[in-house]
């Protein structure tokens, strides 16, 4: 199972962050990536600057014949097409696309799989549980629900479910 996390907290050429996430899913289809399932949309406070606009997050389960590195290149290309600039780490952005898991592969080179911080991020785990309730972390074997339950309440409490993707 291939999982891609989406996030945005600034408007893009597509409109609001919600519109940007939907448009980026369509852009994936134009690049040989088929969306199989989409989570609901979630709103989370910006981090590390809580004064920045809140993020809208979602998760896609996809299918593709692209190799992981090729898929990452496509994700970066789509981010750039929606106005993403990489200046300061964790800065507000028009679009963030992260490869979370690629068929359970474990890689530690230039591309790290599964995503190294996915188990500590409620804004990734809640949408992941929407699209892949049976998913297990390739390293720990824990389910998304197990990882969500292990999050501090403060991490879960700040996330608001918005609407279907």
C-alpha atoms as a PDB file:
ATOM      1  CA  UNK A   1       0.000   0.000   0.000  1.00  0.00           C
ATOM      2  CA  UNK A   2       1.348   3.416  -1.000  1.00  0.00           C
ATOM      3  CA  UNK A   3       0.390   6.346   1.241  1.00  0.00           C
ATOM      4  CA  UNK A   4       0.857  10.054   0.544  1.00  0.00           C
ATOM      5  CA  UNK A   5       0.195  12.739   3.169  1.00  0.00           C
ATOM      6  CA  UNK A   6      -1.004  16.138   1.981  1.00  0.00           C
ATOM      7  CA  UNK A   7      -0.870  19.440   3.825  1.00  0.00           C
ATOM      8  CA  UNK A   8      -1.230  23.162   3.108  1.00  0.00           C
ATOM      9  CA  UNK A   9      -1.720  26.336   5.084  1.00  0.00           C
ATOM     10  CA  UNK A  10      -1.353  29.031   2.420  1.00  0.00           C
ATOM     11  CA  UNK A  11      -3.504  29.608  -0.667  1.00  0.00           C
ATOM     12  CA  UNK A  12      -2.141  28.517  -4.036  1.00  0.00           C
ATOM     13  CA  UNK A  13      -3.121  29.081  -7.655  1.00  0.00           C
ATOM     14  CA  UNK A  14      -5.885  26.502  -7.007  1.00  0.00           C
ATOM     15  CA  UNK A  15      -7.405  28.561  -4.174  1.00  0.00           C
ATOM     16  CA  UNK A  16      -7.742  27.742  -0.481  1.00  0.00           C
ATOM     17  CA  UNK A  17      -5.674  25.008   1.150  1.00  0.00           C
ATOM     18  CA  UNK A  18      -8.688  22.664   0.854  1.00  0.00           C
ATOM     19  CA  UNK A  19      -8.956  23.411  -2.875  1.00  0.00           C
ATOM     20  CA  UNK A  20      -5.206  22.980  -3.262  1.00  0.00           C
ATOM     21  CA  UNK A  21      -5.268  19.492  -1.720  1.00  0.00           C
ATOM     22  CA  UNK A  22      -8.091  18.432  -4.051  1.00  0.00           C
ATOM     23  CA  UNK A  23      -6.331  19.887  -7.096  1.00  0.00           C
ATOM     24  CA  UNK A  24      -3.046  18.202  -6.177  1.00  0.00           C
ATOM     25  CA  UNK A  25      -4.822  14.830  -6.054  1.00  0.00           C
ATOM     26  CA  UNK A  26      -6.000  15.470  -9.619  1.00  0.00           C
ATOM     27  CA  UNK A  27      -2.457  16.435 -10.623  1.00  0.00           C
ATOM     28  CA  UNK A  28      -1.210  13.093  -9.301  1.00  0.00           C
ATOM     29  CA  UNK A  29      -3.569  11.340 -11.716  1.00  0.00           C
ATOM     30  CA  UNK A  30      -1.978  13.214 -14.607  1.00  0.00           C
ATOM     31  CA  UNK A  31       1.431  11.836 -13.541  1.00  0.00           C
ATOM     32  CA  UNK A  32       0.574   8.132 -13.467  1.00  0.00           C
ATOM     33  CA  UNK A  33      -0.555   7.955  -9.847  1.00  0.00           C
ATOM     34  CA  UNK A  34      -4.069   6.590  -9.266  1.00  0.00           C
ATOM     35  CA  UNK A  35      -5.900   7.672  -6.122  1.00  0.00           C
ATOM     36  CA  UNK A  36      -7.585   4.607  -4.580  1.00  0.00           C
ATOM     37  CA  UNK A  37      -8.883   6.242  -1.393  1.00  0.00           C
ATOM     38  CA  UNK A  38      -8.873   9.704   0.178  1.00  0.00           C
ATOM     39  CA  UNK A  39      -9.281  10.582   3.846  1.00  0.00           C
ATOM     40  CA  UNK A  40     -11.399  13.309   5.282  1.00  0.00           C
ATOM     41  CA  UNK A  41      -9.808  16.735   5.607  1.00  0.00           C
ATOM     42  CA  UNK A  42      -8.397  17.727   8.991  1.00  0.00           C
ATOM     43  CA  UNK A  43      -7.394  21.127  10.391  1.00  0.00           C
ATOM     44  CA  UNK A  44      -4.378  21.384  12.697  1.00  0.00           C
ATOM     45  CA  UNK A  45      -2.527  24.312  14.247  1.00  0.00           C
ATOM     46  CA  UNK A  46       0.651  25.396  12.515  1.00  0.00           C
ATOM     47  CA  UNK A  47       3.887  24.220  14.084  1.00  0.00           C
ATOM     48  CA  UNK A  48       6.313  25.476  15.283  1.00  0.00           C
ATOM     49  CA  UNK A  49       4.646  28.911  14.955  1.00  0.00           C
ATOM     50  CA  UNK A  50       1.068  28.655  16.272  1.00  0.00           C
ATOM     51  CA  UNK A  51       0.426  32.182  14.929  1.00  0.00           C
ATOM     52  CA  UNK A  52       0.803  31.012  11.314  1.00  0.00           C
ATOM     53  CA  UNK A  53      -2.361  29.939   9.493  1.00  0.00           C
ATOM     54  CA  UNK A  54      -3.613  26.463  10.483  1.00  0.00           C
ATOM     55  CA  UNK A  55      -2.910  23.515   8.209  1.00  0.00           C
ATOM     56  CA  UNK A  56      -5.380  21.417   6.296  1.00  0.00           C
ATOM     57  CA  UNK A  57      -4.194  17.796   6.097  1.00  0.00           C
ATOM     58  CA  UNK A  58      -5.328  14.622   4.346  1.00  0.00           C
ATOM     59  CA  UNK A  59      -4.043  11.209   3.278  1.00  0.00           C
ATOM     60  CA  UNK A  60      -4.257   9.402  -0.055  1.00  0.00           C
ATOM     61  CA  UNK A  61      -3.872   5.707  -0.704  1.00  0.00           C
ATOM     62  CA  UNK A  62      -2.540   5.407  -4.245  1.00  0.00           C
ATOM     63  CA  UNK A  63      -1.332   2.961  -6.854  1.00  0.00           C
ATOM     64  CA  UNK A  64       1.503   3.586  -9.294  1.00  0.00           C
ATOM     65  CA  UNK A  65       4.187   1.799 -11.241  1.00  0.00           C
ATOM     66  CA  UNK A  66       6.654   4.559 -10.340  1.00  0.00           C
ATOM     67  CA  UNK A  67       9.536   3.537  -8.089  1.00  0.00           C
ATOM     68  CA  UNK A  68       9.743   5.353  -4.726  1.00  0.00           C
ATOM     69  CA  UNK A  69      12.396   7.850  -5.889  1.00  0.00           C
ATOM     70  CA  UNK A  70      10.438   8.545  -9.083  1.00  0.00           C
ATOM     71  CA  UNK A  71       7.287   9.089  -7.043  1.00  0.00           C
ATOM     72  CA  UNK A  72       9.125  11.530  -4.743  1.00  0.00           C
ATOM     73  CA  UNK A  73      10.296  13.475  -7.797  1.00  0.00           C
ATOM     74  CA  UNK A  74       6.675  13.689  -8.995  1.00  0.00           C
ATOM     75  CA  UNK A  75       5.546  14.869  -5.549  1.00  0.00           C
ATOM     76  CA  UNK A  76       8.181  17.631  -5.552  1.00  0.00           C
ATOM     77  CA  UNK A  77       7.219  18.618  -9.112  1.00  0.00           C
ATOM     78  CA  UNK A  78       3.558  18.953  -8.093  1.00  0.00           C
ATOM     79  CA  UNK A  79       4.476  20.939  -4.974  1.00  0.00           C
ATOM     80  CA  UNK A  80       6.437  23.389  -7.143  1.00  0.00           C
ATOM     81  CA  UNK A  81       3.554  23.664  -9.632  1.00  0.00           C
ATOM     82  CA  UNK A  82       1.341  24.808  -6.744  1.00  0.00           C
ATOM     83  CA  UNK A  83       3.847  27.444  -5.630  1.00  0.00           C
ATOM     84  CA  UNK A  84       5.801  25.566  -2.958  1.00  0.00           C
ATOM     85  CA  UNK A  85       9.104  27.197  -2.141  1.00  0.00           C
ATOM     86  CA  UNK A  86      11.616  25.628   0.215  1.00  0.00           C
ATOM     87  CA  UNK A  87      13.169  28.416   2.230  1.00  0.00           C
ATOM     88  CA  UNK A  88      12.846  27.867   5.976  1.00  0.00           C
ATOM     89  CA  UNK A  89      12.150  24.446   7.526  1.00  0.00           C
ATOM     90  CA  UNK A  90       8.542  24.153   8.774  1.00  0.00           C
ATOM     91  CA  UNK A  91       7.582  27.479   7.163  1.00  0.00           C
ATOM     92  CA  UNK A  92       4.011  28.033   5.970  1.00  0.00           C
ATOM     93  CA  UNK A  93       3.488  26.459   2.552  1.00  0.00           C
ATOM     94  CA  UNK A  94       1.075  26.203  -0.329  1.00  0.00           C
ATOM     95  CA  UNK A  95       1.470  22.421  -0.551  1.00  0.00           C
ATOM     96  CA  UNK A  96       3.369  19.648   1.184  1.00  0.00           C
ATOM     97  CA  UNK A  97       3.288  16.110  -0.215  1.00  0.00           C
ATOM     98  CA  UNK A  98       5.039  13.405   1.811  1.00  0.00           C
ATOM     99  CA  UNK A  99       5.562   9.777   0.884  1.00  0.00           C
ATOM    100  CA  UNK A 100       4.578   8.010   4.105  1.00  0.00           C
ATOM    101  CA  UNK A 101       4.773   4.341   3.119  1.00  0.00           C
ATOM    102  CA  UNK A 102       5.549   2.493  -0.107  1.00  0.00           C
ATOM    103  CA  UNK A 103       4.290  -1.072   0.120  1.00  0.00           C
ATOM    104  CA  UNK A 104       5.973  -1.595   3.488  1.00  0.00           C
ATOM    105  CA  UNK A 105       9.463  -0.884   2.166  1.00  0.00           C
ATOM    106  CA  UNK A 106      12.161   0.070   4.612  1.00  0.00           C
ATOM    107  CA  UNK A 107      14.806   2.413   3.173  1.00  0.00           C
ATOM    108  CA  UNK A 108      17.419   4.552   4.900  1.00  0.00           C
ATOM    109  CA  UNK A 109      19.234   6.264   2.027  1.00  0.00           C
ATOM    110  CA  UNK A 110      18.388   9.611   0.437  1.00  0.00           C
ATOM    111  CA  UNK A 111      14.750   8.584   0.718  1.00  0.00           C
ATOM    112  CA  UNK A 112      13.714   7.283   4.138  1.00  0.00           C
ATOM    113  CA  UNK A 113      10.780   4.858   4.246  1.00  0.00           C
ATOM    114  CA  UNK A 114       8.515   4.651   6.077  1.00  0.00           C
ATOM    115  CA  UNK A 115       8.408   8.385   6.801  1.00  0.00           C
ATOM    116  CA  UNK A 116      10.573   8.746   9.931  1.00  0.00           C
ATOM    117  CA  UNK A 117       8.153  10.890  11.977  1.00  0.00           C
ATOM    118  CA  UNK A 118       4.803   9.427  10.973  1.00  0.00           C
ATOM    119  CA  UNK A 119       4.288   7.615  14.292  1.00  0.00           C
ATOM    120  CA  UNK A 120       4.353  10.849  16.286  1.00  0.00           C
ATOM    121  CA  UNK A 121       2.115  13.015  14.135  1.00  0.00           C
ATOM    122  CA  UNK A 122      -1.605  12.975  14.738  1.00  0.00           C
ATOM    123  CA  UNK A 123      -2.183  15.017  11.588  1.00  0.00           C
ATOM    124  CA  UNK A 124      -0.711  12.099   9.621  1.00  0.00           C
ATOM    125  CA  UNK A 125      -2.109   9.188  11.657  1.00  0.00           C
ATOM    126  CA  UNK A 126      -5.771  10.263  11.824  1.00  0.00           C
ATOM    127  CA  UNK A 127      -6.154  10.614   8.048  1.00  0.00           C
ATOM    128  CA  UNK A 128      -4.073   7.442   7.561  1.00  0.00           C
ATOM    129  CA  UNK A 129      -6.574   5.504   9.685  1.00  0.00           C
ATOM    130  CA  UNK A 130      -9.367   6.794   7.409  1.00  0.00           C
ATOM    131  CA  UNK A 131      -7.853   5.324   4.235  1.00  0.00           C
ATOM    132  CA  UNK A 132      -6.038   2.273   5.595  1.00  0.00           C
ATOM    133  CA  UNK A 133      -7.498   1.001   8.877  1.00  0.00           C
ATOM    134  CA  UNK A 134      -5.661  -2.328   8.432  1.00  0.00           C
ATOM    135  CA  UNK A 135      -2.259  -0.672   7.804  1.00  0.00           C
ATOM    136  CA  UNK A 136       0.661  -1.614  10.059  1.00  0.00           C
ATOM    137  CA  UNK A 137       3.870   0.339  10.532  1.00  0.00           C
ATOM    138  CA  UNK A 138       6.548  -1.540   8.546  1.00  0.00           C
ATOM    139  CA  UNK A 139       9.071  -1.346  11.394  1.00  0.00           C
ATOM    140  CA  UNK A 140       7.054  -1.551  14.615  1.00  0.00           C
ATOM    141  CA  UNK A 141       4.106  -3.583  13.315  1.00  0.00           C
ATOM    142  CA  UNK A 142       1.728  -1.249  15.181  1.00  0.00           C
ATOM    143  CA  UNK A 143      -1.562  -0.193  13.592  1.00  0.00           C
ATOM    144  CA  UNK A 144      -2.507   3.431  12.996  1.00  0.00           C
ATOM    145  CA  UNK A 145      -5.050   3.114  15.837  1.00  0.00           C
ATOM    146  CA  UNK A 146      -2.320   1.833  18.196  1.00  0.00           C
ATOM    147  CA  UNK A 147      -0.085   4.759  17.266  1.00  0.00           C
ATOM    148  CA  UNK A 148      -2.960   7.251  17.658  1.00  0.00           C
ATOM    149  CA  UNK A 149      -3.752   5.855  21.111  1.00  0.00           C
ATOM    150  CA  UNK A 150      -0.099   6.338  22.105  1.00  0.00           C
ATOM    151  CA  UNK A 151      -0.095  10.027  21.147  1.00  0.00           C
ATOM    152  CA  UNK A 152      -0.297  12.572  23.942  1.00  0.00           C
ATOM    153  CA  UNK A 153      -3.865  13.842  24.342  1.00  0.00           C
ATOM    154  CA  UNK A 154      -2.604  17.328  23.510  1.00  0.00           C
ATOM    155  CA  UNK A 155      -1.588  16.079  20.037  1.00  0.00           C
ATOM    156  CA  UNK A 156      -4.996  14.527  19.331  1.00  0.00           C
ATOM    157  CA  UNK A 157      -7.115  17.296  20.872  1.00  0.00           C
ATOM    158  CA  UNK A 158      -5.948  20.019  18.493  1.00  0.00           C
ATOM    159  CA  UNK A 159      -6.999  18.208  15.324  1.00  0.00           C
ATOM    160  CA  UNK A 160     -10.432  19.033  13.906  1.00  0.00           C
ATOM    161  CA  UNK A 161     -12.130  16.915  11.266  1.00  0.00           C
ATOM    162  CA  UNK A 162     -13.476  19.113   8.490  1.00  0.00           C
ATOM    163  CA  UNK A 163     -15.195  17.313   5.630  1.00  0.00           C
ATOM    164  CA  UNK A 164     -14.793  14.513   3.107  1.00  0.00           C
ATOM    165  CA  UNK A 165     -11.956  14.991   0.661  1.00  0.00           C
END
